[in-house]
Amino acid sequence: MLIIEDEVAIREGLIDVFVYHGYEVESSSHGTEGLAKALTGQYDLILLDVMLPGINGFEICNQIREHDREQAIIMLTAKSSDEDIIEGLSLGADDYVAKPFSIAQLVLRVQAVLRRTQSVVDQQRNIQLGDELTIDSQNLSAMREGKELTFTRREMDILLYLSAHSQRPVSRDELLHKVWGYAENIDLETRTVDIHIAKLRRKIESDPSDPQHLVTVRGAGYRLNVT
């Protein structure tokens, strides 16, 4: 695990917590140094603060995603800033934790993200959406109107799960449990599902404001219309 956090007390506290829980931890207090470490690709998960000297967390997340669409990233955001949350998830972070945060909940979220590859069984290589879009789940990509679309591993896990259960709507809680790996009895206040769905619609829908493939079923959740 790599922790990129410039506040000394928070960084050292996080190192102690995750070492105690059995993780191998490296850290950085500076954005430029943190990015260089992150781009080595040797960490199972990156815990990334937004406000950093040198390069901020958003730019680090963006550059990581340009090189690696599967790297697990959790961002630490300001509790009062919806803009931070939306931007971080839009750039490809797997999840976010708002400051001030509960250590116990942060550990649960880290564990859940690290379990993600076990939560969705990828037996389906292609997802067909209408006549115009075939999604290659193995290569995290698709072609539409001659333009390549790329997906993060988290986005593809959502599409795969919705595709496997396309006969019914899937609730936010089910997605958090099955795709993010959170325990069913955990009480989370999070917008991560809604923001990921909105990001997917911008990629796969001709008109994201009037979705035809990834639709909302009022009171029930989301359904993917596959063919």
C-alpha atoms as a PDB file:
ATOM      1  CA  MET A   1       0.000   0.000   0.000  1.00  0.00           C
ATOM      2  CA  LEU A   2       1.124   3.546  -0.769  1.00  0.00           C
ATOM      3  CA  ILE A   3      -0.136   6.442   1.384  1.00  0.00           C
ATOM      4  CA  ILE A   4       0.261   9.913  -0.156  1.00  0.00           C
ATOM      5  CA  GLU A   5      -0.601  12.437   2.566  1.00  0.00           C
ATOM      6  CA  ASP A   6       1.229  15.620   3.564  1.00  0.00           C
ATOM      7  CA  GLU A   7      -0.195  16.091   7.074  1.00  0.00           C
ATOM      8  CA  VAL A   8       2.362  14.421   9.336  1.00  0.00           C
ATOM      9  CA  ALA A   9      -0.021  13.333  12.091  1.00  0.00           C
ATOM     10  CA  ILE A  10      -2.527  11.818   9.656  1.00  0.00           C
ATOM     11  CA  ARG A  11       0.152  10.110   7.560  1.00  0.00           C
ATOM     12  CA  GLU A  12       1.929   8.572  10.538  1.00  0.00           C
ATOM     13  CA  GLY A  13      -1.369   7.532  12.101  1.00  0.00           C
ATOM     14  CA  LEU A  14      -2.449   5.803   8.878  1.00  0.00           C
ATOM     15  CA  ILE A  15       0.893   4.028   8.582  1.00  0.00           C
ATOM     16  CA  ASP A  16       0.569   2.716  12.130  1.00  0.00           C
ATOM     17  CA  VAL A  17      -3.017   1.559  11.571  1.00  0.00           C
ATOM     18  CA  PHE A  18      -2.346  -0.352   8.359  1.00  0.00           C
ATOM     19  CA  VAL A  19       0.928  -1.866   9.549  1.00  0.00           C
ATOM     20  CA  TYR A  20      -0.991  -3.079  12.609  1.00  0.00           C
ATOM     21  CA  HIS A  21      -3.544  -4.693  10.253  1.00  0.00           C
ATOM     22  CA  GLY A  22      -0.778  -6.548   8.433  1.00  0.00           C
ATOM     23  CA  TYR A  23      -0.195  -4.361   5.370  1.00  0.00           C
ATOM     24  CA  GLU A  24       3.177  -3.448   3.933  1.00  0.00           C
ATOM     25  CA  VAL A  25       3.099   0.342   3.761  1.00  0.00           C
ATOM     26  CA  GLU A  26       5.141   3.002   2.002  1.00  0.00           C
ATOM     27  CA  SER A  27       4.357   6.689   2.150  1.00  0.00           C
ATOM     28  CA  SER A  28       5.042  10.062   0.618  1.00  0.00           C
ATOM     29  CA  SER A  29       4.332  13.601   1.809  1.00  0.00           C
ATOM     30  CA  HIS A  30       4.782  15.328  -1.564  1.00  0.00           C
ATOM     31  CA  GLY A  31       2.704  15.079  -4.719  1.00  0.00           C
ATOM     32  CA  THR A  32       5.601  14.826  -7.169  1.00  0.00           C
ATOM     33  CA  GLU A  33       7.368  12.114  -5.184  1.00  0.00           C
ATOM     34  CA  GLY A  34       4.072  10.306  -4.568  1.00  0.00           C
ATOM     35  CA  LEU A  35       3.261  10.255  -8.273  1.00  0.00           C
ATOM     36  CA  ALA A  36       6.678   8.826  -9.128  1.00  0.00           C
ATOM     37  CA  LYS A  37       6.132   6.024  -6.620  1.00  0.00           C
ATOM     38  CA  ALA A  38       2.566   5.426  -7.757  1.00  0.00           C
ATOM     39  CA  LEU A  39       3.589   5.031 -11.395  1.00  0.00           C
ATOM     40  CA  THR A  40       5.903   2.124 -10.543  1.00  0.00           C
ATOM     41  CA  GLY A  41       2.769  -0.044 -10.349  1.00  0.00           C
ATOM     42  CA  GLN A  42       4.032  -2.014  -7.368  1.00  0.00           C
ATOM     43  CA  TYR A  43       1.233  -1.190  -4.889  1.00  0.00           C
ATOM     44  CA  ASP A  44      -2.006  -3.096  -4.363  1.00  0.00           C
ATOM     45  CA  LEU A  45      -3.730   0.111  -3.288  1.00  0.00           C
ATOM     46  CA  ILE A  46      -2.995   3.843  -3.170  1.00  0.00           C
ATOM     47  CA  LEU A  47      -4.520   6.006  -0.429  1.00  0.00           C
ATOM     48  CA  LEU A  48      -4.392   9.495  -1.924  1.00  0.00           C
ATOM     49  CA  ASP A  49      -5.050  12.875  -0.329  1.00  0.00           C
ATOM     50  CA  VAL A  50      -6.439  15.677  -2.497  1.00  0.00           C
ATOM     51  CA  MET A  51      -4.460  18.638  -1.148  1.00  0.00           C
ATOM     52  CA  LEU A  52      -0.751  18.015  -1.602  1.00  0.00           C
ATOM     53  CA  PRO A  53       2.342  20.144  -2.277  1.00  0.00           C
ATOM     54  CA  GLY A  54       3.787  19.892  -5.767  1.00  0.00           C
ATOM     55  CA  ILE A  55       1.007  18.029  -7.582  1.00  0.00           C
ATOM     56  CA  ASN A  56      -2.477  17.667  -6.145  1.00  0.00           C
ATOM     57  CA  GLY A  57      -4.283  14.366  -5.745  1.00  0.00           C
ATOM     58  CA  PHE A  58      -6.562  14.937  -8.728  1.00  0.00           C
ATOM     59  CA  GLU A  59      -3.625  15.249 -11.118  1.00  0.00           C
ATOM     60  CA  ILE A  60      -1.950  12.216  -9.549  1.00  0.00           C
ATOM     61  CA  CYS A  61      -5.139  10.164  -9.984  1.00  0.00           C
ATOM     62  CA  ASN A  62      -5.476  11.328 -13.588  1.00  0.00           C
ATOM     63  CA  GLN A  63      -1.892  10.414 -14.461  1.00  0.00           C
ATOM     64  CA  ILE A  64      -2.180   7.021 -12.772  1.00  0.00           C
ATOM     65  CA  ARG A  65      -5.303   6.260 -14.829  1.00  0.00           C
ATOM     66  CA  GLU A  66      -3.529   7.237 -18.056  1.00  0.00           C
ATOM     67  CA  HIS A  67      -0.997   4.462 -17.326  1.00  0.00           C
ATOM     68  CA  ASP A  68      -3.048   1.900 -15.409  1.00  0.00           C
ATOM     69  CA  ARG A  69      -6.842   1.490 -15.446  1.00  0.00           C
ATOM     70  CA  GLU A  70      -6.765  -1.261 -12.807  1.00  0.00           C
ATOM     71  CA  GLN A  71      -4.788   0.360  -9.987  1.00  0.00           C
ATOM     72  CA  ALA A  72      -6.888   0.534  -6.800  1.00  0.00           C
ATOM     73  CA  ILE A  73      -7.209   4.145  -5.555  1.00  0.00           C
ATOM     74  CA  ILE A  74      -9.067   5.578  -2.571  1.00  0.00           C
ATOM     75  CA  MET A  75      -9.085   9.363  -2.268  1.00  0.00           C
ATOM     76  CA  LEU A  76      -9.206  11.335   0.978  1.00  0.00           C
ATOM     77  CA  THR A  77     -11.444  14.371   0.437  1.00  0.00           C
ATOM     78  CA  ALA A  78     -12.741  17.323   2.416  1.00  0.00           C
ATOM     79  CA  LYS A  79     -16.011  16.322   4.088  1.00  0.00           C
ATOM     80  CA  SER A  80     -17.788  19.510   2.992  1.00  0.00           C
ATOM     81  CA  SER A  81     -16.667  19.413  -0.633  1.00  0.00           C
ATOM     82  CA  ASP A  82     -18.980  17.570  -3.025  1.00  0.00           C
ATOM     83  CA  GLU A  83     -16.828  18.948  -5.845  1.00  0.00           C
ATOM     84  CA  ASP A  84     -13.797  17.048  -4.534  1.00  0.00           C
ATOM     85  CA  ILE A  85     -15.792  13.818  -4.319  1.00  0.00           C
ATOM     86  CA  ILE A  86     -17.257  14.151  -7.810  1.00  0.00           C
ATOM     87  CA  GLU A  87     -13.954  15.126  -9.405  1.00  0.00           C
ATOM     88  CA  GLY A  88     -12.005  12.343  -7.711  1.00  0.00           C
ATOM     89  CA  LEU A  89     -14.455   9.632  -8.759  1.00  0.00           C
ATOM     90  CA  SER A  90     -14.782  11.116 -12.251  1.00  0.00           C
ATOM     91  CA  LEU A  91     -11.018  10.840 -12.686  1.00  0.00           C
ATOM     92  CA  GLY A  92     -11.186   7.140 -11.868  1.00  0.00           C
ATOM     93  CA  ALA A  93     -10.785   6.713  -8.112  1.00  0.00           C
ATOM     94  CA  ASP A  94     -12.447   3.537  -6.842  1.00  0.00           C
ATOM     95  CA  ASP A  95     -13.842   5.157  -3.735  1.00  0.00           C
ATOM     96  CA  TYR A  96     -13.446   8.138  -1.430  1.00  0.00           C
ATOM     97  CA  VAL A  97     -13.345   8.742   2.309  1.00  0.00           C
ATOM     98  CA  ALA A  98     -14.282  12.174   3.638  1.00  0.00           C
ATOM     99  CA  LYS A  99     -12.251  13.843   6.371  1.00  0.00           C
ATOM    100  CA  PRO A 100     -12.587  13.624   9.309  1.00  0.00           C
ATOM    101  CA  PHE A 101     -13.019   9.888   8.928  1.00  0.00           C
ATOM    102  CA  SER A 102     -13.482   6.879  11.138  1.00  0.00           C
ATOM    103  CA  ILE A 103     -10.370   4.694  11.138  1.00  0.00           C
ATOM    104  CA  ALA A 104     -12.542   1.592  11.419  1.00  0.00           C
ATOM    105  CA  GLN A 105     -14.575   2.596   8.355  1.00  0.00           C
ATOM    106  CA  LEU A 106     -11.447   3.467   6.373  1.00  0.00           C
ATOM    107  CA  VAL A 107      -9.971   0.033   7.102  1.00  0.00           C
ATOM    108  CA  LEU A 108     -13.236  -1.595   5.982  1.00  0.00           C
ATOM    109  CA  ARG A 109     -13.188   0.398   2.746  1.00  0.00           C
ATOM    110  CA  VAL A 110      -9.588  -0.531   2.027  1.00  0.00           C
ATOM    111  CA  GLN A 111     -10.371  -4.196   2.645  1.00  0.00           C
ATOM    112  CA  ALA A 112     -13.419  -3.967   0.381  1.00  0.00           C
ATOM    113  CA  VAL A 113     -11.512  -2.377  -2.502  1.00  0.00           C
ATOM    114  CA  LEU A 114      -8.778  -4.991  -2.218  1.00  0.00           C
ATOM    115  CA  ARG A 115     -11.402  -7.744  -2.448  1.00  0.00           C
ATOM    116  CA  ARG A 116     -12.913  -6.310  -5.604  1.00  0.00           C
ATOM    117  CA  THR A 117     -11.300  -8.768  -8.013  1.00  0.00           C
ATOM    118  CA  GLN A 118     -13.010 -11.590  -6.123  1.00  0.00           C
ATOM    119  CA  SER A 119     -16.431  -9.937  -6.062  1.00  0.00           C
ATOM    120  CA  VAL A 120     -17.227 -10.154  -9.790  1.00  0.00           C
ATOM    121  CA  VAL A 121     -16.575 -13.358 -11.696  1.00  0.00           C
ATOM    122  CA  ASP A 122     -15.560 -12.402 -15.218  1.00  0.00           C
ATOM    123  CA  GLN A 123     -16.783 -15.203 -17.447  1.00  0.00           C
ATOM    124  CA  GLN A 124     -18.199 -12.850 -20.043  1.00  0.00           C
ATOM    125  CA  ARG A 125     -15.757 -11.187 -22.384  1.00  0.00           C
ATOM    126  CA  ASN A 126     -18.134  -8.985 -24.401  1.00  0.00           C
ATOM    127  CA  ILE A 127     -21.196  -6.935 -23.494  1.00  0.00           C
ATOM    128  CA  GLN A 128     -23.445  -6.008 -26.406  1.00  0.00           C
ATOM    129  CA  LEU A 129     -25.482  -2.796 -26.083  1.00  0.00           C
ATOM    130  CA  GLY A 130     -27.716  -2.375 -29.096  1.00  0.00           C
ATOM    131  CA  ASP A 131     -26.191  -2.523 -32.563  1.00  0.00           C
ATOM    132  CA  GLU A 132     -23.672   0.233 -32.056  1.00  0.00           C
ATOM    133  CA  LEU A 133     -21.630  -0.744 -29.009  1.00  0.00           C
ATOM    134  CA  THR A 134     -19.684  -3.892 -28.102  1.00  0.00           C
ATOM    135  CA  ILE A 135     -17.745  -3.670 -24.854  1.00  0.00           C
ATOM    136  CA  ASP A 136     -14.614  -5.812 -24.462  1.00  0.00           C
ATOM    137  CA  SER A 137     -14.435  -6.506 -20.739  1.00  0.00           C
ATOM    138  CA  GLN A 138     -11.033  -8.179 -20.941  1.00  0.00           C
ATOM    139  CA  ASN A 139      -9.356  -5.163 -22.536  1.00  0.00           C
ATOM    140  CA  LEU A 140     -11.485  -2.560 -20.693  1.00  0.00           C
ATOM    141  CA  SER A 141     -12.467  -0.905 -23.958  1.00  0.00           C
ATOM    142  CA  ALA A 142     -15.123  -0.447 -26.633  1.00  0.00           C
ATOM    143  CA  MET A 143     -15.547   1.216 -30.017  1.00  0.00           C
ATOM    144  CA  ARG A 144     -18.373   3.577 -30.909  1.00  0.00           C
ATOM    145  CA  GLU A 145     -18.571   5.526 -34.177  1.00  0.00           C
ATOM    146  CA  GLY A 146     -14.885   4.901 -34.771  1.00  0.00           C
ATOM    147  CA  LYS A 147     -13.879   6.271 -31.360  1.00  0.00           C
ATOM    148  CA  GLU A 148     -12.292   4.147 -28.657  1.00  0.00           C
ATOM    149  CA  LEU A 149     -13.879   4.186 -25.222  1.00  0.00           C
ATOM    150  CA  THR A 150     -11.806   3.152 -22.220  1.00  0.00           C
ATOM    151  CA  PHE A 151     -13.027   1.986 -18.811  1.00  0.00           C
ATOM    152  CA  THR A 152     -11.493   1.565 -15.386  1.00  0.00           C
ATOM    153  CA  ARG A 153     -11.642  -1.866 -13.781  1.00  0.00           C
ATOM    154  CA  ARG A 154     -14.280  -0.598 -11.348  1.00  0.00           C
ATOM    155  CA  GLU A 155     -16.473   0.644 -14.205  1.00  0.00           C
ATOM    156  CA  MET A 156     -16.134  -2.683 -15.981  1.00  0.00           C
ATOM    157  CA  ASP A 157     -17.001  -4.594 -12.819  1.00  0.00           C
ATOM    158  CA  ILE A 158     -20.233  -2.564 -12.598  1.00  0.00           C
ATOM    159  CA  LEU A 159     -21.104  -3.286 -16.225  1.00  0.00           C
ATOM    160  CA  LEU A 160     -20.335  -6.984 -15.840  1.00  0.00           C
ATOM    161  CA  TYR A 161     -22.482  -7.317 -12.739  1.00  0.00           C
ATOM    162  CA  LEU A 162     -25.393  -5.412 -14.280  1.00  0.00           C
ATOM    163  CA  SER A 163     -25.058  -7.459 -17.468  1.00  0.00           C
ATOM    164  CA  ALA A 164     -25.118 -10.736 -15.527  1.00  0.00           C
ATOM    165  CA  HIS A 165     -28.345  -9.588 -13.809  1.00  0.00           C
ATOM    166  CA  SER A 166     -29.897  -7.712 -16.717  1.00  0.00           C
ATOM    167  CA  GLN A 167     -33.278  -9.362 -16.206  1.00  0.00           C
ATOM    168  CA  ARG A 168     -33.905  -7.197 -13.132  1.00  0.00           C
ATOM    169  CA  PRO A 169     -32.922  -3.864 -11.556  1.00  0.00           C
ATOM    170  CA  VAL A 170     -29.954  -3.883  -9.201  1.00  0.00           C
ATOM    171  CA  SER A 171     -30.026  -1.648  -6.140  1.00  0.00           C
ATOM    172  CA  ARG A 172     -27.258   0.678  -4.967  1.00  0.00           C
ATOM    173  CA  ASP A 173     -26.842  -1.437  -1.827  1.00  0.00           C
ATOM    174  CA  GLU A 174     -26.414  -4.586  -3.917  1.00  0.00           C
ATOM    175  CA  LEU A 175     -23.768  -2.907  -6.066  1.00  0.00           C
ATOM    176  CA  LEU A 176     -21.910  -1.744  -2.950  1.00  0.00           C
ATOM    177  CA  HIS A 177     -22.016  -5.295  -1.591  1.00  0.00           C
ATOM    178  CA  LYS A 178     -21.298  -7.275  -4.749  1.00  0.00           C
ATOM    179  CA  VAL A 179     -19.042  -4.915  -6.719  1.00  0.00           C
ATOM    180  CA  TRP A 180     -17.353  -2.790  -4.062  1.00  0.00           C
ATOM    181  CA  GLY A 181     -17.211  -5.682  -1.610  1.00  0.00           C
ATOM    182  CA  TYR A 182     -18.743  -3.938   1.396  1.00  0.00           C
ATOM    183  CA  ALA A 183     -20.427  -6.080   4.013  1.00  0.00           C
ATOM    184  CA  GLU A 184     -24.210  -6.118   3.781  1.00  0.00           C
ATOM    185  CA  ASN A 185     -24.678  -4.825   7.317  1.00  0.00           C
ATOM    186  CA  ILE A 186     -22.300  -1.849   7.030  1.00  0.00           C
ATOM    187  CA  ASP A 187     -23.966   1.578   7.166  1.00  0.00           C
ATOM    188  CA  LEU A 188     -22.310   3.807   4.565  1.00  0.00           C
ATOM    189  CA  GLU A 189     -23.149   7.310   3.457  1.00  0.00           C
ATOM    190  CA  THR A 190     -21.622   7.379  -0.005  1.00  0.00           C
ATOM    191  CA  ARG A 191     -22.400   8.732  -3.460  1.00  0.00           C
ATOM    192  CA  THR A 192     -19.839   6.574  -5.187  1.00  0.00           C
ATOM    193  CA  VAL A 193     -22.402   4.369  -6.984  1.00  0.00           C
ATOM    194  CA  ASP A 194     -24.373   7.310  -8.400  1.00  0.00           C
ATOM    195  CA  ILE A 195     -21.218   9.082  -9.575  1.00  0.00           C
ATOM    196  CA  HIS A 196     -19.864   5.940 -11.252  1.00  0.00           C
ATOM    197  CA  ILE A 197     -23.209   5.388 -12.994  1.00  0.00           C
ATOM    198  CA  ALA A 198     -23.223   8.984 -14.260  1.00  0.00           C
ATOM    199  CA  LYS A 199     -19.672   8.563 -15.569  1.00  0.00           C
ATOM    200  CA  LEU A 200     -20.584   5.323 -17.347  1.00  0.00           C
ATOM    201  CA  ARG A 201     -23.576   6.990 -18.995  1.00  0.00           C
ATOM    202  CA  ARG A 202     -21.348   9.723 -20.393  1.00  0.00           C
ATOM    203  CA  LYS A 203     -19.323   6.983 -22.062  1.00  0.00           C
ATOM    204  CA  ILE A 204     -21.921   4.517 -23.335  1.00  0.00           C
ATOM    205  CA  GLU A 205     -25.007   6.648 -23.995  1.00  0.00           C
ATOM    206  CA  SER A 206     -25.582   8.809 -27.061  1.00  0.00           C
ATOM    207  CA  ASP A 207     -27.603  11.113 -24.802  1.00  0.00           C
ATOM    208  CA  PRO A 208     -26.661  10.641 -21.121  1.00  0.00           C
ATOM    209  CA  SER A 209     -29.660  12.733 -20.048  1.00  0.00           C
ATOM    210  CA  ASP A 210     -31.980  10.195 -21.719  1.00  0.00           C
ATOM    211  CA  PRO A 211     -30.215   6.838 -21.183  1.00  0.00           C
ATOM    212  CA  GLN A 212     -31.300   3.862 -23.267  1.00  0.00           C
ATOM    213  CA  HIS A 213     -28.762   1.267 -22.124  1.00  0.00           C
ATOM    214  CA  LEU A 214     -28.099   2.020 -18.434  1.00  0.00           C
ATOM    215  CA  VAL A 215     -31.476   3.007 -17.064  1.00  0.00           C
ATOM    216  CA  THR A 216     -32.780   3.942 -13.626  1.00  0.00           C
ATOM    217  CA  VAL A 217     -35.728   1.959 -12.302  1.00  0.00           C
ATOM    218  CA  ARG A 218     -37.362   4.281  -9.816  1.00  0.00           C
ATOM    219  CA  GLY A 219     -37.270   2.928  -6.296  1.00  0.00           C
ATOM    220  CA  ALA A 220     -35.381  -0.210  -7.353  1.00  0.00           C
ATOM    221  CA  GLY A 221     -31.959   0.718  -8.756  1.00  0.00           C
ATOM    222  CA  TYR A 222     -30.306   0.353 -12.162  1.00  0.00           C
ATOM    223  CA  ARG A 223     -30.768  -2.018 -15.085  1.00  0.00           C
ATOM    224  CA  LEU A 224     -28.514  -2.591 -18.078  1.00  0.00           C
ATOM    225  CA  ASN A 225     -30.369  -3.289 -21.324  1.00  0.00           C
ATOM    226  CA  VAL A 226     -28.197  -5.822 -23.142  1.00  0.00           C
ATOM    227  CA  THR A 227     -28.810  -7.549 -26.473  1.00  0.00           C
END
